[in-house]
């Protein structure tokens, strides 16, 4: 099997496309960011960050798939969401969309998406308090 694209890149693009395809989620957020966030993206939004990656290889060093761990969460600012209701609903919707999903694309297939643990946090950037809620998700991606 010739791998034409890195499984991590393919998985991120498929995750983003899958979340963007959900009209309920997209009605809740202004957009979805991979790794970095533009200053022009208003809250609330979804952010996807890779946390860990490893490969399963077999005899002959053929790669079967990459095991990838992502932090996927909604982010709002405190003024919009003082009680965590908005970002909590976004986190719940992300889980509903991804729970036990198999995502097929032209460059890769993502198998067995499961939440390993919930995630909540608060950060302060430019004197603004942001609330984060989502989860750490594990998945297996195989390049096609």
N, C-alpha and C. Protein backbone atom coordinates (compact mmCIF):
# COMPACT_ATOMS: atom_id res chain seq x y z
N UNK A 1 0.84 -1.17 0.00
CA UNK A 1 0.00 0.00 0.00
C UNK A 1 0.89 1.24 0.00
N UNK A 2 0.74 2.09 -0.98
CA UNK A 2 1.50 3.32 -1.05
C UNK A 2 0.74 4.42 -0.31
N UNK A 3 1.40 5.04 0.65
CA UNK A 3 0.79 6.12 1.40
C UNK A 3 1.11 7.43 0.71
N UNK A 4 0.06 8.14 0.29
CA UNK A 4 0.25 9.39 -0.42
C UNK A 4 0.06 10.61 0.46
N UNK A 5 -0.45 10.41 1.65
CA UNK A 5 -0.66 11.53 2.56
C UNK A 5 -0.45 11.03 3.99
N UNK A 6 0.07 11.89 4.80
CA UNK A 6 0.26 11.60 6.21
C UNK A 6 -1.10 11.39 6.88
N UNK A 7 -1.25 10.31 7.65
CA UNK A 7 -2.52 10.02 8.31
C UNK A 7 -2.96 11.13 9.24
N UNK A 8 -2.01 11.79 9.88
CA UNK A 8 -2.38 12.87 10.80
C UNK A 8 -3.04 14.02 10.05
N UNK A 9 -2.45 14.42 8.94
CA UNK A 9 -3.04 15.50 8.14
C UNK A 9 -4.42 15.09 7.64
N UNK A 10 -4.51 13.89 7.10
CA UNK A 10 -5.79 13.40 6.58
C UNK A 10 -6.85 13.34 7.68
N UNK A 11 -6.48 12.83 8.87
CA UNK A 11 -7.43 12.72 9.98
C UNK A 11 -7.93 14.09 10.42
N UNK A 12 -7.03 15.06 10.53
CA UNK A 12 -7.44 16.41 10.92
C UNK A 12 -8.43 17.01 9.93
N UNK A 13 -8.14 16.86 8.65
CA UNK A 13 -9.03 17.40 7.62
C UNK A 13 -10.39 16.70 7.64
N UNK A 14 -10.38 15.37 7.85
CA UNK A 14 -11.64 14.62 7.92
C UNK A 14 -12.43 14.99 9.18
N UNK A 15 -11.75 15.16 10.31
CA UNK A 15 -12.43 15.59 11.54
C UNK A 15 -13.11 16.94 11.33
N UNK A 16 -12.35 17.88 10.77
CA UNK A 16 -12.89 19.22 10.54
C UNK A 16 -14.09 19.16 9.60
N UNK A 17 -13.96 18.42 8.51
CA UNK A 17 -15.06 18.31 7.55
C UNK A 17 -16.28 17.65 8.17
N UNK A 18 -16.08 16.62 9.00
CA UNK A 18 -17.19 15.93 9.66
C UNK A 18 -17.92 16.87 10.61
N UNK A 19 -17.19 17.63 11.39
CA UNK A 19 -17.81 18.58 12.31
C UNK A 19 -18.52 19.70 11.54
N UNK A 20 -17.89 20.19 10.48
CA UNK A 20 -18.50 21.26 9.68
C UNK A 20 -19.77 20.79 8.96
N UNK A 21 -19.87 19.50 8.70
CA UNK A 21 -21.05 18.96 8.01
C UNK A 21 -22.27 18.89 8.92
N UNK A 22 -22.08 19.04 10.22
CA UNK A 22 -23.19 18.97 11.16
C UNK A 22 -23.81 20.37 11.32
N UNK A 23 -25.00 20.56 10.77
CA UNK A 23 -25.62 21.87 10.79
C UNK A 23 -25.96 22.34 12.20
N UNK A 24 -26.27 21.41 13.10
CA UNK A 24 -26.56 21.80 14.48
C UNK A 24 -25.33 22.40 15.14
N UNK A 25 -24.18 21.73 15.00
CA UNK A 25 -22.94 22.26 15.58
C UNK A 25 -22.58 23.59 14.94
N UNK A 26 -22.67 23.66 13.63
CA UNK A 26 -22.27 24.89 12.95
C UNK A 26 -23.21 26.05 13.27
N UNK A 27 -24.44 25.75 13.70
CA UNK A 27 -25.34 26.79 14.17
C UNK A 27 -24.96 27.31 15.55
N UNK A 28 -24.09 26.58 16.24
CA UNK A 28 -23.67 26.94 17.59
C UNK A 28 -22.34 27.70 17.61
N UNK A 29 -21.53 27.56 16.55
CA UNK A 29 -20.18 28.12 16.55
C UNK A 29 -19.96 28.99 15.32
N UNK A 30 -18.89 29.78 15.39
CA UNK A 30 -18.52 30.66 14.28
C UNK A 30 -17.55 29.99 13.31
N UNK A 31 -16.96 28.86 13.71
CA UNK A 31 -16.02 28.17 12.84
C UNK A 31 -15.26 27.11 13.59
N UNK A 32 -14.35 26.44 12.86
CA UNK A 32 -13.52 25.38 13.42
C UNK A 32 -12.08 25.67 13.05
N UNK A 33 -11.20 25.61 14.04
CA UNK A 33 -9.78 25.91 13.83
C UNK A 33 -8.94 24.65 14.07
N UNK A 34 -7.96 24.45 13.20
CA UNK A 34 -6.98 23.38 13.38
C UNK A 34 -5.70 24.00 13.94
N UNK A 35 -5.31 23.60 15.13
CA UNK A 35 -4.08 23.98 15.80
C UNK A 35 -3.99 25.44 16.20
N UNK A 36 -4.08 26.38 15.23
CA UNK A 36 -3.96 27.79 15.57
C UNK A 36 -5.27 28.50 15.24
N UNK A 37 -5.48 29.62 15.92
CA UNK A 37 -6.73 30.36 15.77
C UNK A 37 -6.41 31.77 15.28
N UNK A 38 -7.09 32.18 14.24
CA UNK A 38 -6.95 33.53 13.72
C UNK A 38 -7.59 34.52 14.69
N UNK A 39 -7.02 35.70 14.81
CA UNK A 39 -7.61 36.76 15.64
C UNK A 39 -8.97 37.17 15.11
N UNK A 40 -9.26 36.87 13.85
CA UNK A 40 -10.53 37.27 13.25
C UNK A 40 -11.64 36.27 13.52
N UNK A 41 -11.34 35.11 14.11
CA UNK A 41 -12.38 34.11 14.38
C UNK A 41 -13.05 34.45 15.70
N UNK A 42 -14.31 34.89 15.66
CA UNK A 42 -15.00 35.23 16.91
C UNK A 42 -15.43 33.97 17.66
N UNK A 43 -15.63 34.12 18.95
CA UNK A 43 -16.15 33.01 19.75
C UNK A 43 -17.66 32.98 19.61
N UNK A 44 -18.24 31.84 19.84
CA UNK A 44 -17.62 30.54 20.15
C UNK A 44 -17.12 29.86 18.89
N UNK A 45 -16.12 28.99 19.08
CA UNK A 45 -15.59 28.20 17.98
C UNK A 45 -15.10 26.86 18.51
N UNK A 46 -14.78 25.95 17.60
CA UNK A 46 -14.21 24.64 17.95
C UNK A 46 -12.74 24.67 17.58
N UNK A 47 -11.91 24.10 18.43
CA UNK A 47 -10.47 24.00 18.16
C UNK A 47 -10.06 22.53 18.24
N UNK A 48 -9.25 22.10 17.27
CA UNK A 48 -8.75 20.73 17.20
C UNK A 48 -7.23 20.78 17.31
N UNK A 49 -6.67 20.08 18.30
CA UNK A 49 -5.21 20.01 18.51
C UNK A 49 -4.77 18.57 18.69
N UNK A 50 -3.75 18.15 17.95
CA UNK A 50 -3.19 16.81 18.14
C UNK A 50 -2.41 16.78 19.45
N UNK A 51 -2.62 15.74 20.23
CA UNK A 51 -1.93 15.56 21.50
C UNK A 51 -0.84 14.50 21.43
N UNK A 52 -1.08 13.43 20.64
CA UNK A 52 -0.15 12.31 20.59
C UNK A 52 -0.40 11.53 19.31
N UNK A 53 0.63 10.80 18.87
CA UNK A 53 0.49 9.96 17.68
C UNK A 53 1.49 8.81 17.75
N UNK A 54 1.07 7.65 17.26
CA UNK A 54 1.97 6.50 17.12
C UNK A 54 1.45 5.65 15.97
N UNK A 55 2.33 4.82 15.43
CA UNK A 55 1.96 3.96 14.30
C UNK A 55 1.92 2.50 14.72
N UNK A 56 1.00 1.75 14.13
CA UNK A 56 0.99 0.30 14.24
C UNK A 56 1.63 -0.22 12.95
N UNK A 57 2.74 -0.90 13.11
CA UNK A 57 3.41 -1.48 11.94
C UNK A 57 3.45 -3.00 12.10
N UNK A 58 3.55 -3.69 10.98
CA UNK A 58 3.59 -5.16 10.97
C UNK A 58 4.88 -5.60 10.27
N UNK A 59 5.03 -6.90 10.10
CA UNK A 59 6.22 -7.47 9.47
C UNK A 59 6.52 -6.73 8.17
N UNK A 60 7.78 -6.41 7.98
CA UNK A 60 8.17 -5.66 6.79
C UNK A 60 8.02 -4.16 6.98
N UNK A 61 7.68 -3.77 8.19
CA UNK A 61 7.51 -2.37 8.57
C UNK A 61 6.40 -1.65 7.81
N UNK A 62 5.43 -2.40 7.34
CA UNK A 62 4.26 -1.78 6.70
C UNK A 62 3.40 -1.15 7.78
N UNK A 63 3.02 0.09 7.57
CA UNK A 63 2.19 0.80 8.54
C UNK A 63 0.72 0.41 8.30
N UNK A 64 0.08 -0.08 9.34
CA UNK A 64 -1.33 -0.46 9.26
C UNK A 64 -2.20 0.78 9.45
N UNK A 65 -1.93 1.53 10.52
CA UNK A 65 -2.63 2.77 10.79
C UNK A 65 -1.84 3.60 11.78
N UNK A 66 -2.28 4.83 11.95
CA UNK A 66 -1.73 5.70 12.99
C UNK A 66 -2.78 5.84 14.07
N UNK A 67 -2.35 5.70 15.31
CA UNK A 67 -3.21 5.94 16.46
C UNK A 67 -3.00 7.39 16.86
N UNK A 68 -4.07 8.18 16.80
CA UNK A 68 -3.97 9.62 17.02
C UNK A 68 -4.85 10.04 18.18
N UNK A 69 -4.34 10.96 18.97
CA UNK A 69 -5.10 11.50 20.09
C UNK A 69 -5.23 13.01 19.89
N UNK A 70 -6.48 13.48 19.94
CA UNK A 70 -6.76 14.89 19.72
C UNK A 70 -7.53 15.48 20.89
N UNK A 71 -7.23 16.74 21.18
CA UNK A 71 -8.05 17.55 22.07
C UNK A 71 -9.00 18.33 21.15
N UNK A 72 -10.29 18.07 21.31
CA UNK A 72 -11.31 18.74 20.49
C UNK A 72 -12.26 19.42 21.46
N UNK A 73 -12.35 20.76 21.36
CA UNK A 73 -13.17 21.47 22.34
C UNK A 73 -13.76 22.73 21.76
N UNK A 74 -14.86 23.14 22.40
CA UNK A 74 -15.44 24.43 22.11
C UNK A 74 -14.80 25.47 23.00
N UNK A 75 -14.74 26.70 22.50
CA UNK A 75 -14.17 27.80 23.26
C UNK A 75 -15.12 29.00 23.16
N UNK A 76 -15.44 29.59 24.32
CA UNK A 76 -16.24 30.81 24.38
C UNK A 76 -15.54 31.79 25.30
N UNK A 77 -15.97 33.05 25.24
CA UNK A 77 -15.44 33.97 26.24
C UNK A 77 -16.44 34.08 27.39
N UNK A 78 -15.93 34.45 28.53
CA UNK A 78 -16.72 34.46 29.77
C UNK A 78 -17.95 35.37 29.67
N UNK A 79 -17.81 36.49 28.99
CA UNK A 79 -18.96 37.40 28.88
C UNK A 79 -20.11 36.77 28.11
N UNK A 80 -19.82 35.96 27.10
CA UNK A 80 -20.86 35.26 26.34
C UNK A 80 -21.45 34.11 27.13
N UNK A 81 -20.63 33.50 27.99
CA UNK A 81 -20.99 32.22 28.60
C UNK A 81 -20.56 32.14 30.07
N UNK A 82 -21.12 32.98 30.94
CA UNK A 82 -20.65 32.97 32.33
C UNK A 82 -20.96 31.68 33.08
N UNK A 83 -21.95 30.92 32.65
CA UNK A 83 -22.36 29.70 33.37
C UNK A 83 -21.95 28.40 32.67
N UNK A 84 -21.12 28.45 31.65
CA UNK A 84 -20.65 27.27 30.92
C UNK A 84 -21.72 26.61 30.05
N UNK A 85 -22.88 27.21 29.91
CA UNK A 85 -23.97 26.58 29.16
C UNK A 85 -23.67 26.46 27.67
N UNK A 86 -23.14 27.52 27.07
CA UNK A 86 -22.87 27.52 25.63
C UNK A 86 -21.76 26.53 25.30
N UNK A 87 -20.65 26.65 25.99
CA UNK A 87 -19.50 25.78 25.68
C UNK A 87 -19.80 24.33 26.08
N UNK A 88 -20.60 24.13 27.09
CA UNK A 88 -21.02 22.77 27.47
C UNK A 88 -21.87 22.12 26.39
N UNK A 89 -22.79 22.90 25.82
CA UNK A 89 -23.62 22.38 24.73
C UNK A 89 -22.78 22.06 23.49
N UNK A 90 -21.78 22.88 23.22
CA UNK A 90 -20.88 22.62 22.09
C UNK A 90 -20.11 21.32 22.33
N UNK A 91 -19.60 21.13 23.54
CA UNK A 91 -18.86 19.91 23.88
C UNK A 91 -19.76 18.68 23.71
N UNK A 92 -21.00 18.78 24.17
CA UNK A 92 -21.94 17.66 24.02
C UNK A 92 -22.21 17.35 22.56
N UNK A 93 -22.34 18.39 21.74
CA UNK A 93 -22.63 18.17 20.32
C UNK A 93 -21.43 17.54 19.62
N UNK A 94 -20.22 17.99 19.96
CA UNK A 94 -19.01 17.37 19.38
C UNK A 94 -19.01 15.88 19.68
N UNK A 95 -19.28 15.53 20.94
CA UNK A 95 -19.29 14.11 21.32
C UNK A 95 -20.36 13.34 20.55
N UNK A 96 -21.54 13.91 20.41
CA UNK A 96 -22.60 13.23 19.66
C UNK A 96 -22.22 13.00 18.21
N UNK A 97 -21.58 13.96 17.59
CA UNK A 97 -21.18 13.84 16.19
C UNK A 97 -20.09 12.78 16.03
N UNK A 98 -19.13 12.76 16.94
CA UNK A 98 -17.96 11.88 16.77
C UNK A 98 -18.12 10.50 17.40
N UNK A 99 -19.05 10.33 18.31
CA UNK A 99 -19.18 9.08 19.06
C UNK A 99 -19.30 7.88 18.11
N UNK A 100 -18.36 7.00 18.23
CA UNK A 100 -18.34 5.74 17.46
C UNK A 100 -18.44 5.94 15.95
N UNK A 101 -17.99 7.07 15.46
CA UNK A 101 -18.06 7.36 14.03
C UNK A 101 -16.93 6.66 13.27
N UNK A 102 -17.21 6.27 12.05
CA UNK A 102 -16.20 5.87 11.08
C UNK A 102 -16.30 6.89 9.96
N UNK A 103 -15.19 7.56 9.68
CA UNK A 103 -15.19 8.64 8.70
C UNK A 103 -14.37 8.20 7.49
N UNK A 104 -15.00 8.17 6.34
CA UNK A 104 -14.32 7.76 5.12
C UNK A 104 -14.06 8.99 4.25
N UNK A 105 -12.83 9.08 3.77
CA UNK A 105 -12.46 10.15 2.86
C UNK A 105 -11.73 9.58 1.67
N UNK A 106 -11.27 10.44 0.79
CA UNK A 106 -10.54 9.97 -0.38
C UNK A 106 -9.08 9.69 -0.07
N UNK A 107 -8.55 10.25 1.02
CA UNK A 107 -7.15 10.07 1.38
C UNK A 107 -6.95 9.15 2.57
N UNK A 108 -7.98 8.96 3.38
CA UNK A 108 -7.84 8.14 4.59
C UNK A 108 -9.21 7.75 5.12
N UNK A 109 -9.19 6.74 6.00
CA UNK A 109 -10.37 6.37 6.77
C UNK A 109 -9.99 6.51 8.24
N UNK A 110 -10.90 7.10 9.01
CA UNK A 110 -10.70 7.25 10.45
C UNK A 110 -11.66 6.29 11.14
N UNK A 111 -11.10 5.39 11.96
CA UNK A 111 -11.87 4.35 12.64
C UNK A 111 -11.98 4.64 14.13
N UNK A 112 -13.01 4.12 14.74
CA UNK A 112 -13.13 4.00 16.20
C UNK A 112 -12.78 5.28 16.94
N UNK A 113 -13.55 6.32 16.70
CA UNK A 113 -13.35 7.56 17.45
C UNK A 113 -14.04 7.40 18.79
N UNK A 114 -13.27 7.61 19.86
CA UNK A 114 -13.89 7.51 21.19
C UNK A 114 -13.28 8.55 22.11
N UNK A 115 -14.12 9.08 22.97
CA UNK A 115 -13.63 10.04 23.94
C UNK A 115 -12.94 9.30 25.07
N UNK A 116 -11.72 9.66 25.35
CA UNK A 116 -10.97 9.06 26.45
C UNK A 116 -11.28 9.72 27.78
N UNK A 117 -11.47 11.05 27.72
CA UNK A 117 -11.76 11.78 28.95
C UNK A 117 -12.33 13.16 28.60
N UNK A 118 -13.10 13.72 29.52
CA UNK A 118 -13.60 15.07 29.30
C UNK A 118 -12.49 16.09 29.50
N UNK A 119 -12.71 17.28 29.00
CA UNK A 119 -11.73 18.35 29.15
C UNK A 119 -12.46 19.66 29.42
N UNK A 120 -12.05 20.37 30.46
CA UNK A 120 -12.50 21.74 30.71
C UNK A 120 -11.30 22.55 31.16
N UNK A 121 -11.31 23.83 30.83
CA UNK A 121 -10.21 24.70 31.21
C UNK A 121 -10.69 26.15 31.08
N UNK A 122 -9.95 27.04 31.70
CA UNK A 122 -10.13 28.47 31.51
C UNK A 122 -8.76 29.07 31.24
N UNK A 123 -8.70 29.98 30.28
CA UNK A 123 -7.46 30.67 29.97
C UNK A 123 -7.74 32.16 29.89
N UNK A 124 -6.69 32.94 30.12
CA UNK A 124 -6.79 34.39 29.98
C UNK A 124 -5.82 34.80 28.89
N UNK A 125 -6.37 35.47 27.87
CA UNK A 125 -5.56 35.99 26.77
C UNK A 125 -6.02 37.40 26.48
N UNK A 126 -5.09 38.32 26.42
CA UNK A 126 -5.39 39.74 26.16
C UNK A 126 -6.50 40.24 27.09
N UNK A 127 -6.38 39.91 28.36
CA UNK A 127 -7.33 40.33 29.40
C UNK A 127 -8.75 39.81 29.20
N UNK A 128 -8.91 38.75 28.43
CA UNK A 128 -10.22 38.13 28.23
C UNK A 128 -10.17 36.71 28.78
N UNK A 129 -11.17 36.34 29.58
CA UNK A 129 -11.27 34.99 30.13
C UNK A 129 -12.02 34.12 29.13
N UNK A 130 -11.41 33.00 28.74
CA UNK A 130 -12.03 32.05 27.80
C UNK A 130 -12.31 30.74 28.52
N UNK A 131 -13.45 30.14 28.19
CA UNK A 131 -13.84 28.84 28.73
C UNK A 131 -13.70 27.80 27.63
N UNK A 132 -13.13 26.65 27.99
CA UNK A 132 -12.91 25.54 27.06
C UNK A 132 -13.65 24.32 27.60
N UNK A 133 -14.37 23.60 26.73
CA UNK A 133 -15.01 22.35 27.14
C UNK A 133 -15.07 21.42 25.93
N UNK A 134 -14.71 20.17 26.16
CA UNK A 134 -14.71 19.18 25.08
C UNK A 134 -14.18 17.87 25.61
N UNK A 135 -13.27 17.29 24.85
CA UNK A 135 -12.73 16.01 25.28
C UNK A 135 -11.44 15.65 24.57
N UNK A 136 -10.77 14.66 25.15
CA UNK A 136 -9.60 14.05 24.52
C UNK A 136 -10.13 12.83 23.77
N UNK A 137 -9.91 12.81 22.47
CA UNK A 137 -10.44 11.75 21.61
C UNK A 137 -9.31 10.93 21.01
N UNK A 138 -9.51 9.62 20.97
CA UNK A 138 -8.56 8.69 20.36
C UNK A 138 -9.19 8.14 19.09
N UNK A 139 -8.37 7.99 18.07
CA UNK A 139 -8.87 7.42 16.81
C UNK A 139 -7.73 6.75 16.07
N UNK A 140 -8.11 5.93 15.11
CA UNK A 140 -7.15 5.25 14.26
C UNK A 140 -7.37 5.71 12.83
N UNK A 141 -6.31 6.13 12.15
CA UNK A 141 -6.42 6.62 10.78
C UNK A 141 -5.55 5.76 9.88
N UNK A 142 -6.12 5.37 8.75
CA UNK A 142 -5.40 4.58 7.76
C UNK A 142 -5.42 5.34 6.43
N UNK A 143 -4.24 5.58 5.88
CA UNK A 143 -4.16 6.23 4.57
C UNK A 143 -4.63 5.29 3.49
N UNK A 144 -5.26 5.84 2.48
CA UNK A 144 -5.75 5.04 1.37
C UNK A 144 -4.82 5.16 0.17
